[in-house]
Amino acid sequence: MYEPARVESIATGLQNLQSIVAGNIEAVSGDGWHFYLNEEGKIMRLEPNRRAALLLFEATGVLTDVYCGNVVFLGETADGSEGNVPGHLIDLAQQLFGLNQPVNQ
């Protein structure tokens, strides 16, 4: 079973992203955002990630694949760099799943 969906700041270097998804990364792009997952998730028979699929479907109206294992959603800056997840996507995830968010101290 997967951990609860959450919003947090992360280091977006390749090694950290690979650690989060437990393997080599594959990107799936949206409009101003993308997510990474384990590119061999299906081959490794990782559990389908229904939350990622539902969020993608609700955000785009399209679902073209089964996404397996952990995923990490990120936003994109104007120059194509990693950025913060767009607020509308966080709002949608909050509506669908509730989110564990870090407490600002």
PDB file of N, CA and C in Angstrom:
ATOM      1  N   MET A   1       0.843  -1.174   0.000  1.00  0.00           N
ATOM      2  CA  MET A   1       0.000   0.000   0.000  1.00  0.00           C
ATOM      3  C   MET A   1       0.890   1.240   0.000  1.00  0.00           C
ATOM      4  N   TYR A   2       0.431   2.275  -0.670  1.00  0.00           N
ATOM      5  CA  TYR A   2       1.216   3.491  -0.792  1.00  0.00           C
ATOM      6  C   TYR A   2       0.990   4.435   0.370  1.00  0.00           C
ATOM      7  N   GLU A   3       1.962   5.311   0.567  1.00  0.00           N
ATOM      8  CA  GLU A   3       1.848   6.352   1.577  1.00  0.00           C
ATOM      9  C   GLU A   3       0.763   7.342   1.155  1.00  0.00           C
ATOM     10  N   PRO A   4       0.257   8.114   2.116  1.00  0.00           N
ATOM     11  CA  PRO A   4      -0.733   9.137   1.751  1.00  0.00           C
ATOM     12  C   PRO A   4      -0.139  10.147   0.769  1.00  0.00           C
ATOM     13  N   ALA A   5      -0.992  10.705  -0.083  1.00  0.00           N
ATOM     14  CA  ALA A   5      -0.551  11.778  -0.977  1.00  0.00           C
ATOM     15  C   ALA A   5      -0.172  12.969  -0.111  1.00  0.00           C
ATOM     16  N   ARG A   6       0.875  13.685  -0.512  1.00  0.00           N
ATOM     17  CA  ARG A   6       1.315  14.819   0.287  1.00  0.00           C
ATOM     18  C   ARG A   6       1.980  15.872  -0.592  1.00  0.00           C
ATOM     19  N   VAL A   7       2.051  17.076  -0.053  1.00  0.00           N
ATOM     20  CA  VAL A   7       2.754  18.187  -0.688  1.00  0.00           C
ATOM     21  C   VAL A   7       3.984  18.469   0.148  1.00  0.00           C
ATOM     22  N   GLU A   8       5.135  18.510  -0.506  1.00  0.00           N
ATOM     23  CA  GLU A   8       6.369  18.828   0.210  1.00  0.00           C
ATOM     24  C   GLU A   8       7.403  19.332  -0.769  1.00  0.00           C
ATOM     25  N   SER A   9       8.390  20.032  -0.253  1.00  0.00           N
ATOM     26  CA  SER A   9       9.519  20.476  -1.067  1.00  0.00           C
ATOM     27  C   SER A   9      10.511  19.328  -1.163  1.00  0.00           C
ATOM     28  N   ILE A  10      11.039  19.118  -2.355  1.00  0.00           N
ATOM     29  CA  ILE A  10      12.029  18.053  -2.549  1.00  0.00           C
ATOM     30  C   ILE A  10      13.171  18.569  -3.407  1.00  0.00           C
ATOM     31  N   ALA A  11      14.300  17.897  -3.315  1.00  0.00           N
ATOM     32  CA  ALA A  11      15.406  18.136  -4.230  1.00  0.00           C
ATOM     33  C   ALA A  11      15.049  17.438  -5.540  1.00  0.00           C
ATOM     34  N   THR A  12      15.204  18.130  -6.645  1.00  0.00           N
ATOM     35  CA  THR A  12      14.752  17.579  -7.928  1.00  0.00           C
ATOM     36  C   THR A  12      15.891  17.001  -8.763  1.00  0.00           C
ATOM     37  N   GLY A  13      17.005  16.705  -8.135  1.00  0.00           N
ATOM     38  CA  GLY A  13      18.099  16.068  -8.851  1.00  0.00           C
ATOM     39  C   GLY A  13      17.736  14.649  -9.243  1.00  0.00           C
ATOM     40  N   LEU A  14      18.391  14.156 -10.267  1.00  0.00           N
ATOM     41  CA  LEU A  14      18.102  12.827 -10.801  1.00  0.00           C
ATOM     42  C   LEU A  14      18.187  11.749  -9.725  1.00  0.00           C
ATOM     43  N   GLN A  15      19.219  11.775  -8.911  1.00  0.00           N
ATOM     44  CA  GLN A  15      19.399  10.726  -7.907  1.00  0.00           C
ATOM     45  C   GLN A  15      18.231  10.711  -6.914  1.00  0.00           C
ATOM     46  N   ASN A  16      17.773  11.870  -6.470  1.00  0.00           N
ATOM     47  CA  ASN A  16      16.658  11.920  -5.530  1.00  0.00           C
ATOM     48  C   ASN A  16      15.363  11.443  -6.184  1.00  0.00           C
ATOM     49  N   LEU A  17      15.113  11.869  -7.416  1.00  0.00           N
ATOM     50  CA  LEU A  17      13.901  11.424  -8.115  1.00  0.00           C
ATOM     51  C   LEU A  17      13.915   9.909  -8.304  1.00  0.00           C
ATOM     52  N   GLN A  18      15.074   9.351  -8.652  1.00  0.00           N
ATOM     53  CA  GLN A  18      15.184   7.899  -8.802  1.00  0.00           C
ATOM     54  C   GLN A  18      14.958   7.195  -7.468  1.00  0.00           C
ATOM     55  N   SER A  19      15.391   7.796  -6.398  1.00  0.00           N
ATOM     56  CA  SER A  19      15.174   7.215  -5.074  1.00  0.00           C
ATOM     57  C   SER A  19      13.683   7.194  -4.741  1.00  0.00           C
ATOM     58  N   ILE A  20      12.993   8.264  -5.043  1.00  0.00           N
ATOM     59  CA  ILE A  20      11.561   8.346  -4.740  1.00  0.00           C
ATOM     60  C   ILE A  20      10.768   7.294  -5.510  1.00  0.00           C
ATOM     61  N   VAL A  21      11.090   7.102  -6.791  1.00  0.00           N
ATOM     62  CA  VAL A  21      10.322   6.147  -7.604  1.00  0.00           C
ATOM     63  C   VAL A  21      10.949   4.758  -7.620  1.00  0.00           C
ATOM     64  N   ALA A  22      12.057   4.581  -6.915  1.00  0.00           N
ATOM     65  CA  ALA A  22      12.737   3.288  -6.777  1.00  0.00           C
ATOM     66  C   ALA A  22      13.206   2.722  -8.113  1.00  0.00           C
ATOM     67  N   GLY A  23      13.840   3.561  -8.923  1.00  0.00           N
ATOM     68  CA  GLY A  23      14.384   3.098 -10.195  1.00  0.00           C
ATOM     69  C   GLY A  23      14.585   4.231 -11.167  1.00  0.00           C
ATOM     70  N   ASN A  24      14.867   3.853 -12.410  1.00  0.00           N
ATOM     71  CA  ASN A  24      15.027   4.859 -13.456  1.00  0.00           C
ATOM     72  C   ASN A  24      13.702   5.567 -13.689  1.00  0.00           C
ATOM     73  N   ILE A  25      13.785   6.858 -14.015  1.00  0.00           N
ATOM     74  CA  ILE A  25      12.569   7.653 -14.133  1.00  0.00           C
ATOM     75  C   ILE A  25      12.076   7.753 -15.572  1.00  0.00           C
ATOM     76  N   GLU A  26      10.778   7.867 -15.663  1.00  0.00           N
ATOM     77  CA  GLU A  26      10.078   8.157 -16.915  1.00  0.00           C
ATOM     78  C   GLU A  26       9.184   9.355 -16.620  1.00  0.00           C
ATOM     79  N   ALA A  27       9.073  10.279 -17.570  1.00  0.00           N
ATOM     80  CA  ALA A  27       8.258  11.477 -17.367  1.00  0.00           C
ATOM     81  C   ALA A  27       6.962  11.388 -18.164  1.00  0.00           C
ATOM     82  N   VAL A  28       5.896  11.876 -17.552  1.00  0.00           N
ATOM     83  CA  VAL A  28       4.598  12.043 -18.209  1.00  0.00           C
ATOM     84  C   VAL A  28       4.255  13.518 -18.055  1.00  0.00           C
ATOM     85  N   SER A  29       3.989  14.194 -19.179  1.00  0.00           N
ATOM     86  CA  SER A  29       3.802  15.646 -19.153  1.00  0.00           C
ATOM     87  C   SER A  29       2.351  16.055 -19.258  1.00  0.00           C
ATOM     88  N   GLY A  30       2.045  17.162 -18.574  1.00  0.00           N
ATOM     89  CA  GLY A  30       0.754  17.821 -18.661  1.00  0.00           C
ATOM     90  C   GLY A  30       0.971  19.262 -19.081  1.00  0.00           C
ATOM     91  N   ASP A  31       0.015  20.109 -18.822  1.00  0.00           N
ATOM     92  CA  ASP A  31       0.082  21.514 -19.197  1.00  0.00           C
ATOM     93  C   ASP A  31       0.693  22.321 -18.049  1.00  0.00           C
ATOM     94  N   GLY A  32       1.999  22.557 -18.116  1.00  0.00           N
ATOM     95  CA  GLY A  32       2.694  23.293 -17.074  1.00  0.00           C
ATOM     96  C   GLY A  32       3.126  22.432 -15.902  1.00  0.00           C
ATOM     97  N   TRP A  33       3.016  21.121 -16.026  1.00  0.00           N
ATOM     98  CA  TRP A  33       3.407  20.191 -14.966  1.00  0.00           C
ATOM     99  C   TRP A  33       3.774  18.860 -15.604  1.00  0.00           C
ATOM    100  N   HIS A  34       4.354  18.005 -14.813  1.00  0.00           N
ATOM    101  CA  HIS A  34       4.700  16.651 -15.252  1.00  0.00           C
ATOM    102  C   HIS A  34       4.849  15.784 -14.008  1.00  0.00           C
ATOM    103  N   PHE A  35       4.899  14.491 -14.235  1.00  0.00           N
ATOM    104  CA  PHE A  35       5.227  13.618 -13.108  1.00  0.00           C
ATOM    105  C   PHE A  35       6.211  12.568 -13.561  1.00  0.00           C
ATOM    106  N   TYR A  36       6.961  12.087 -12.563  1.00  0.00           N
ATOM    107  CA  TYR A  36       7.947  11.038 -12.796  1.00  0.00           C
ATOM    108  C   TYR A  36       7.481   9.765 -12.117  1.00  0.00           C
ATOM    109  N   LEU A  37       7.791   8.646 -12.756  1.00  0.00           N
ATOM    110  CA  LEU A  37       7.509   7.337 -12.195  1.00  0.00           C
ATOM    111  C   LEU A  37       8.608   6.380 -12.620  1.00  0.00           C
ATOM    112  N   ASN A  38       8.613   5.192 -12.069  1.00  0.00           N
ATOM    113  CA  ASN A  38       9.595   4.175 -12.394  1.00  0.00           C
ATOM    114  C   ASN A  38       9.292   3.658 -13.798  1.00  0.00           C
ATOM    115  N   GLU A  39      10.266   3.789 -14.708  1.00  0.00           N
ATOM    116  CA  GLU A  39      10.027   3.396 -16.096  1.00  0.00           C
ATOM    117  C   GLU A  39       9.807   1.892 -16.263  1.00  0.00           C
ATOM    118  N   GLU A  40      10.186   1.099 -15.281  1.00  0.00           N
ATOM    119  CA  GLU A  40       9.993  -0.349 -15.348  1.00  0.00           C
ATOM    120  C   GLU A  40       8.931  -0.815 -14.356  1.00  0.00           C
ATOM    121  N   GLY A  41       8.090   0.097 -13.905  1.00  0.00           N
ATOM    122  CA  GLY A  41       7.093  -0.227 -12.892  1.00  0.00           C
ATOM    123  C   GLY A  41       6.193  -1.390 -13.267  1.00  0.00           C
ATOM    124  N   LYS A  42       5.758  -1.435 -14.513  1.00  0.00           N
ATOM    125  CA  LYS A  42       4.890  -2.548 -14.945  1.00  0.00           C
ATOM    126  C   LYS A  42       5.678  -3.856 -15.012  1.00  0.00           C
ATOM    127  N   ILE A  43       6.876  -3.792 -15.539  1.00  0.00           N
ATOM    128  CA  ILE A  43       7.712  -4.990 -15.656  1.00  0.00           C
ATOM    129  C   ILE A  43       8.025  -5.555 -14.275  1.00  0.00           C
ATOM    130  N   MET A  44       8.258  -4.653 -13.307  1.00  0.00           N
ATOM    131  CA  MET A  44       8.580  -5.058 -11.941  1.00  0.00           C
ATOM    132  C   MET A  44       7.320  -5.433 -11.153  1.00  0.00           C
ATOM    133  N   ARG A  45       6.176  -5.315 -11.800  1.00  0.00           N
ATOM    134  CA  ARG A  45       4.881  -5.621 -11.193  1.00  0.00           C
ATOM    135  C   ARG A  45       4.610  -4.797  -9.931  1.00  0.00           C
ATOM    136  N   LEU A  46       4.996  -3.498 -10.030  1.00  0.00           N
ATOM    137  CA  LEU A  46       4.649  -2.589  -8.951  1.00  0.00           C
ATOM    138  C   LEU A  46       3.141  -2.367  -8.982  1.00  0.00           C
ATOM    139  N   GLU A  47       2.592  -2.046  -7.844  1.00  0.00           N
ATOM    140  CA  GLU A  47       1.149  -1.844  -7.734  1.00  0.00           C
ATOM    141  C   GLU A  47       0.708  -0.643  -8.590  1.00  0.00           C
ATOM    142  N   PRO A  48      -0.393  -0.772  -9.332  1.00  0.00           N
ATOM    143  CA  PRO A  48      -0.901   0.388 -10.085  1.00  0.00           C
ATOM    144  C   PRO A  48      -1.182   1.548  -9.130  1.00  0.00           C
ATOM    145  N   ASN A  49      -0.830   2.745  -9.572  1.00  0.00           N
ATOM    146  CA  ASN A  49      -1.031   3.930  -8.753  1.00  0.00           C
ATOM    147  C   ASN A  49      -2.350   4.580  -9.181  1.00  0.00           C
ATOM    148  N   ARG A  50      -3.416   4.176  -8.522  1.00  0.00           N
ATOM    149  CA  ARG A  50      -4.755   4.654  -8.879  1.00  0.00           C
ATOM    150  C   ARG A  50      -4.935   6.136  -8.600  1.00  0.00           C
ATOM    151  N   ARG A  51      -4.262   6.638  -7.565  1.00  0.00           N
ATOM    152  CA  ARG A  51      -4.372   8.078  -7.273  1.00  0.00           C
ATOM    153  C   ARG A  51      -3.766   8.899  -8.391  1.00  0.00           C
ATOM    154  N   ALA A  52      -2.596   8.509  -8.876  1.00  0.00           N
ATOM    155  CA  ALA A  52      -1.972   9.242  -9.978  1.00  0.00           C
ATOM    156  C   ALA A  52      -2.851   9.179 -11.216  1.00  0.00           C
ATOM    157  N   ALA A  53      -3.418   8.012 -11.480  1.00  0.00           N
ATOM    158  CA  ALA A  53      -4.288   7.861 -12.652  1.00  0.00           C
ATOM    159  C   ALA A  53      -5.535   8.736 -12.521  1.00  0.00           C
ATOM    160  N   LEU A  54      -6.148   8.750 -11.341  1.00  0.00           N
ATOM    161  CA  LEU A  54      -7.348   9.559 -11.140  1.00  0.00           C
ATOM    162  C   LEU A  54      -7.027  11.039 -11.254  1.00  0.00           C
ATOM    163  N   LEU A  55      -5.923  11.478 -10.653  1.00  0.00           N
ATOM    164  CA  LEU A  55      -5.539  12.885 -10.744  1.00  0.00           C
ATOM    165  C   LEU A  55      -5.278  13.268 -12.192  1.00  0.00           C
ATOM    166  N   LEU A  56      -4.575  12.442 -12.920  1.00  0.00           N
ATOM    167  CA  LEU A  56      -4.306  12.714 -14.332  1.00  0.00           C
ATOM    168  C   LEU A  56      -5.605  12.773 -15.127  1.00  0.00           C
ATOM    169  N   PHE A  57      -6.494  11.823 -14.908  1.00  0.00           N
ATOM    170  CA  PHE A  57      -7.759  11.803 -15.641  1.00  0.00           C
ATOM    171  C   PHE A  57      -8.604  13.043 -15.325  1.00  0.00           C
ATOM    172  N   GLU A  58      -8.699  13.388 -14.052  1.00  0.00           N
ATOM    173  CA  GLU A  58      -9.498  14.553 -13.663  1.00  0.00           C
ATOM    174  C   GLU A  58      -8.897  15.849 -14.190  1.00  0.00           C
ATOM    175  N   ALA A  59      -7.569  15.927 -14.269  1.00  0.00           N
ATOM    176  CA  ALA A  59      -6.894  17.137 -14.736  1.00  0.00           C
ATOM    177  C   ALA A  59      -6.949  17.290 -16.254  1.00  0.00           C
ATOM    178  N   THR A  60      -6.952  16.163 -16.976  1.00  0.00           N
ATOM    179  CA  THR A  60      -6.833  16.243 -18.433  1.00  0.00           C
ATOM    180  C   THR A  60      -8.020  15.661 -19.191  1.00  0.00           C
ATOM    181  N   GLY A  61      -8.806  14.809 -18.540  1.00  0.00           N
ATOM    182  CA  GLY A  61      -9.894  14.129 -19.231  1.00  0.00           C
ATOM    183  C   GLY A  61      -9.427  12.931 -20.043  1.00  0.00           C
ATOM    184  N   VAL A  62      -8.149  12.595 -19.933  1.00  0.00           N
ATOM    185  CA  VAL A  62      -7.562  11.512 -20.729  1.00  0.00           C
ATOM    186  C   VAL A  62      -6.747  10.601 -19.812  1.00  0.00           C
ATOM    187  N   LEU A  63      -6.837   9.313 -20.050  1.00  0.00           N
ATOM    188  CA  LEU A  63      -5.988   8.348 -19.362  1.00  0.00           C
ATOM    189  C   LEU A  63      -5.563   7.327 -20.400  1.00  0.00           C
ATOM    190  N   THR A  64      -4.276   7.301 -20.720  1.00  0.00           N
ATOM    191  CA  THR A  64      -3.799   6.450 -21.814  1.00  0.00           C
ATOM    192  C   THR A  64      -2.906   5.302 -21.376  1.00  0.00           C
ATOM    193  N   ASP A  65      -2.668   5.180 -20.048  1.00  0.00           N
ATOM    194  CA  ASP A  65      -1.750   4.149 -19.599  1.00  0.00           C
ATOM    195  C   ASP A  65      -2.084   3.778 -18.154  1.00  0.00           C
ATOM    196  N   VAL A  66      -1.455   2.717 -17.683  1.00  0.00           N
ATOM    197  CA  VAL A  66      -1.509   2.327 -16.280  1.00  0.00           C
ATOM    198  C   VAL A  66      -0.171   2.741 -15.691  1.00  0.00           C
ATOM    199  N   TYR A  67      -0.213   3.529 -14.616  1.00  0.00           N
ATOM    200  CA  TYR A  67       0.999   4.022 -13.977  1.00  0.00           C
ATOM    201  C   TYR A  67       1.214   3.228 -12.699  1.00  0.00           C
ATOM    202  N   CYS A  68       2.412   2.667 -12.557  1.00  0.00           N
ATOM    203  CA  CYS A  68       2.680   1.769 -11.437  1.00  0.00           C
ATOM    204  C   CYS A  68       3.784   2.326 -10.547  1.00  0.00           C
ATOM    205  N   GLY A  69       3.619   2.130  -9.256  1.00  0.00           N
ATOM    206  CA  GLY A  69       4.618   2.553  -8.282  1.00  0.00           C
ATOM    207  C   GLY A  69       4.427   3.996  -7.856  1.00  0.00           C
ATOM    208  N   ASN A  70       5.421   4.493  -7.133  1.00  0.00           N
ATOM    209  CA  ASN A  70       5.387   5.871  -6.657  1.00  0.00           C
ATOM    210  C   ASN A  70       5.508   6.844  -7.812  1.00  0.00           C
ATOM    211  N   VAL A  71       4.856   7.973  -7.686  1.00  0.00           N
ATOM    212  CA  VAL A  71       5.001   9.062  -8.653  1.00  0.00           C
ATOM    213  C   VAL A  71       5.280  10.345  -7.886  1.00  0.00           C
ATOM    214  N   VAL A  72       5.953  11.271  -8.555  1.00  0.00           N
ATOM    215  CA  VAL A  72       6.202  12.591  -7.984  1.00  0.00           C
ATOM    216  C   VAL A  72       5.814  13.630  -9.039  1.00  0.00           C
ATOM    217  N   PHE A  73       4.854  14.485  -8.675  1.00  0.00           N
ATOM    218  CA  PHE A  73       4.395  15.547  -9.563  1.00  0.00           C
ATOM    219  C   PHE A  73       5.233  16.795  -9.325  1.00  0.00           C
ATOM    220  N   LEU A  74       5.604  17.469 -10.405  1.00  0.00           N
ATOM    221  CA  LEU A  74       6.348  18.728 -10.352  1.00  0.00           C
ATOM    222  C   LEU A  74       5.745  19.694 -11.358  1.00  0.00           C
ATOM    223  N   GLY A  75       6.011  20.957 -11.157  1.00  0.00           N
ATOM    224  CA  GLY A  75       5.622  21.972 -12.117  1.00  0.00           C
ATOM    225  C   GLY A  75       6.781  22.265 -13.050  1.00  0.00           C
ATOM    226  N   GLU A  76       6.547  23.198 -13.973  1.00  0.00           N
ATOM    227  CA  GLU A  76       7.583  23.607 -14.919  1.00  0.00           C
ATOM    228  C   GLU A  76       7.679  25.119 -14.940  1.00  0.00           C
ATOM    229  N   THR A  77       8.896  25.605 -15.031  1.00  0.00           N
ATOM    230  CA  THR A  77       9.105  27.037 -15.173  1.00  0.00           C
ATOM    231  C   THR A  77       9.029  27.398 -16.660  1.00  0.00           C
ATOM    232  N   ALA A  78       9.044  28.682 -16.960  1.00  0.00           N
ATOM    233  CA  ALA A  78       8.954  29.146 -18.351  1.00  0.00           C
ATOM    234  C   ALA A  78      10.092  28.601 -19.212  1.00  0.00           C
ATOM    235  N   ASP A  79      11.261  28.379 -18.602  1.00  0.00           N
ATOM    236  CA  ASP A  79      12.395  27.872 -19.378  1.00  0.00           C
ATOM    237  C   ASP A  79      12.487  26.343 -19.379  1.00  0.00           C
ATOM    238  N   GLY A  80      11.459  25.669 -18.815  1.00  0.00           N
ATOM    239  CA  GLY A  80      11.417  24.215 -18.843  1.00  0.00           C
ATOM    240  C   GLY A  80      12.074  23.529 -17.663  1.00  0.00           C
ATOM    241  N   SER A  81      12.551  24.303 -16.695  1.00  0.00           N
ATOM    242  CA  SER A  81      13.158  23.710 -15.499  1.00  0.00           C
ATOM    243  C   SER A  81      12.084  23.179 -14.566  1.00  0.00           C
ATOM    244  N   GLU A  82      12.520  22.396 -13.588  1.00  0.00           N
ATOM    245  CA  GLU A  82      11.597  21.903 -12.565  1.00  0.00           C
ATOM    246  C   GLU A  82      11.065  23.086 -11.773  1.00  0.00           C
ATOM    247  N   GLY A  83       9.795  23.033 -11.409  1.00  0.00           N
ATOM    248  CA  GLY A  83       9.192  24.107 -10.634  1.00  0.00           C
ATOM    249  C   GLY A  83       8.151  23.567  -9.687  1.00  0.00           C
ATOM    250  N   ASN A  84       7.457  24.478  -9.021  1.00  0.00           N
ATOM    251  CA  ASN A  84       6.395  24.106  -8.095  1.00  0.00           C
ATOM    252  C   ASN A  84       5.184  23.580  -8.859  1.00  0.00           C
ATOM    253  N   VAL A  85       4.504  22.624  -8.269  1.00  0.00           N
ATOM    254  CA  VAL A  85       3.276  22.097  -8.860  1.00  0.00           C
ATOM    255  C   VAL A  85       2.259  23.235  -8.928  1.00  0.00           C
ATOM    256  N   PRO A  86       1.576  23.412 -10.063  1.00  0.00           N
ATOM    257  CA  PRO A  86       0.576  24.475 -10.158  1.00  0.00           C
ATOM    258  C   PRO A  86      -0.511  24.325  -9.099  1.00  0.00           C
ATOM    259  N   GLY A  87      -0.971  25.458  -8.588  1.00  0.00           N
ATOM    260  CA  GLY A  87      -1.974  25.472  -7.532  1.00  0.00           C
ATOM    261  C   GLY A  87      -3.235  24.717  -7.891  1.00  0.00           C
ATOM    262  N   HIS A  88      -3.676  24.816  -9.157  1.00  0.00           N
ATOM    263  CA  HIS A  88      -4.917  24.127  -9.550  1.00  0.00           C
ATOM    264  C   HIS A  88      -4.786  22.616  -9.432  1.00  0.00           C
ATOM    265  N   LEU A  89      -3.586  22.095  -9.664  1.00  0.00           N
ATOM    266  CA  LEU A  89      -3.369  20.649  -9.540  1.00  0.00           C
ATOM    267  C   LEU A  89      -3.341  20.240  -8.063  1.00  0.00           C
ATOM    268  N   ILE A  90      -2.749  21.063  -7.219  1.00  0.00           N
ATOM    269  CA  ILE A  90      -2.760  20.792  -5.778  1.00  0.00           C
ATOM    270  C   ILE A  90      -4.189  20.861  -5.251  1.00  0.00           C
ATOM    271  N   ASP A  91      -4.953  21.869  -5.692  1.00  0.00           N
ATOM    272  CA  ASP A  91      -6.355  21.996  -5.264  1.00  0.00           C
ATOM    273  C   ASP A  91      -7.158  20.764  -5.668  1.00  0.00           C
ATOM    274  N   LEU A  92      -6.945  20.289  -6.890  1.00  0.00           N
ATOM    275  CA  LEU A  92      -7.660  19.108  -7.374  1.00  0.00           C
ATOM    276  C   LEU A  92      -7.280  17.879  -6.543  1.00  0.00           C
ATOM    277  N   ALA A  93      -6.002  17.711  -6.256  1.00  0.00           N
ATOM    278  CA  ALA A  93      -5.557  16.577  -5.429  1.00  0.00           C
ATOM    279  C   ALA A  93      -6.157  16.674  -4.031  1.00  0.00           C
ATOM    280  N   GLN A  94      -6.249  17.880  -3.499  1.00  0.00           N
ATOM    281  CA  GLN A  94      -6.850  18.058  -2.171  1.00  0.00           C
ATOM    282  C   GLN A  94      -8.316  17.632  -2.201  1.00  0.00           C
ATOM    283  N   GLN A  95      -9.038  18.006  -3.243  1.00  0.00           N
ATOM    284  CA  GLN A  95     -10.448  17.628  -3.369  1.00  0.00           C
ATOM    285  C   GLN A  95     -10.611  16.118  -3.503  1.00  0.00           C
ATOM    286  N   LEU A  96      -9.724  15.487  -4.263  1.00  0.00           N
ATOM    287  CA  LEU A  96      -9.844  14.057  -4.527  1.00  0.00           C
ATOM    288  C   LEU A  96      -9.389  13.185  -3.365  1.00  0.00           C
ATOM    289  N   PHE A  97      -8.300  13.576  -2.710  1.00  0.00           N
ATOM    290  CA  PHE A  97      -7.667  12.680  -1.742  1.00  0.00           C
ATOM    291  C   PHE A  97      -7.474  13.265  -0.355  1.00  0.00           C
ATOM    292  N   GLY A  98      -7.577  14.582  -0.226  1.00  0.00           N
ATOM    293  CA  GLY A  98      -7.058  15.213   0.983  1.00  0.00           C
ATOM    294  C   GLY A  98      -5.543  15.117   0.874  1.00  0.00           C
ATOM    295  N   LEU A  99      -4.827  15.976   1.478  1.00  0.00           N
ATOM    296  CA  LEU A  99      -3.365  15.938   1.362  1.00  0.00           C
ATOM    297  C   LEU A  99      -2.733  16.152   2.716  1.00  0.00           C
ATOM    298  N   ASN A 100      -1.638  15.479   2.948  1.00  0.00           N
ATOM    299  CA  ASN A 100      -0.813  15.772   4.114  1.00  0.00           C
ATOM    300  C   ASN A 100       0.143  16.862   3.692  1.00  0.00           C
ATOM    301  N   GLN A 101       0.046  18.016   4.328  1.00  0.00           N
ATOM    302  CA  GLN A 101       0.903  19.135   3.986  1.00  0.00           C
ATOM    303  C   GLN A 101       1.802  19.467   5.165  1.00  0.00           C
ATOM    304  N   PRO A 102       3.057  19.818   4.881  1.00  0.00           N
ATOM    305  CA  PRO A 102       3.968  20.163   5.973  1.00  0.00           C
ATOM    306  C   PRO A 102       3.474  21.411   6.697  1.00  0.00           C
ATOM    307  N   VAL A 103       3.738  21.458   7.972  1.00  0.00           N
ATOM    308  CA  VAL A 103       3.368  22.613   8.776  1.00  0.00           C
ATOM    309  C   VAL A 103       4.499  23.618   8.729  1.00  0.00           C
ATOM    310  N   ASN A 104       4.196  24.871   8.373  1.00  0.00           N
ATOM    311  CA  ASN A 104       5.217  25.927   8.367  1.00  0.00           C
ATOM    312  C   ASN A 104       5.503  26.323   9.799  1.00  0.00           C
ATOM    313  N   GLN A 105       6.783  26.380  10.148  1.00  0.00           N
ATOM    314  CA  GLN A 105       7.157  26.759  11.512  1.00  0.00           C
ATOM    315  C   GLN A 105       7.884  28.065  11.509  1.00  0.00           C
TER     316      GLN A 105
END
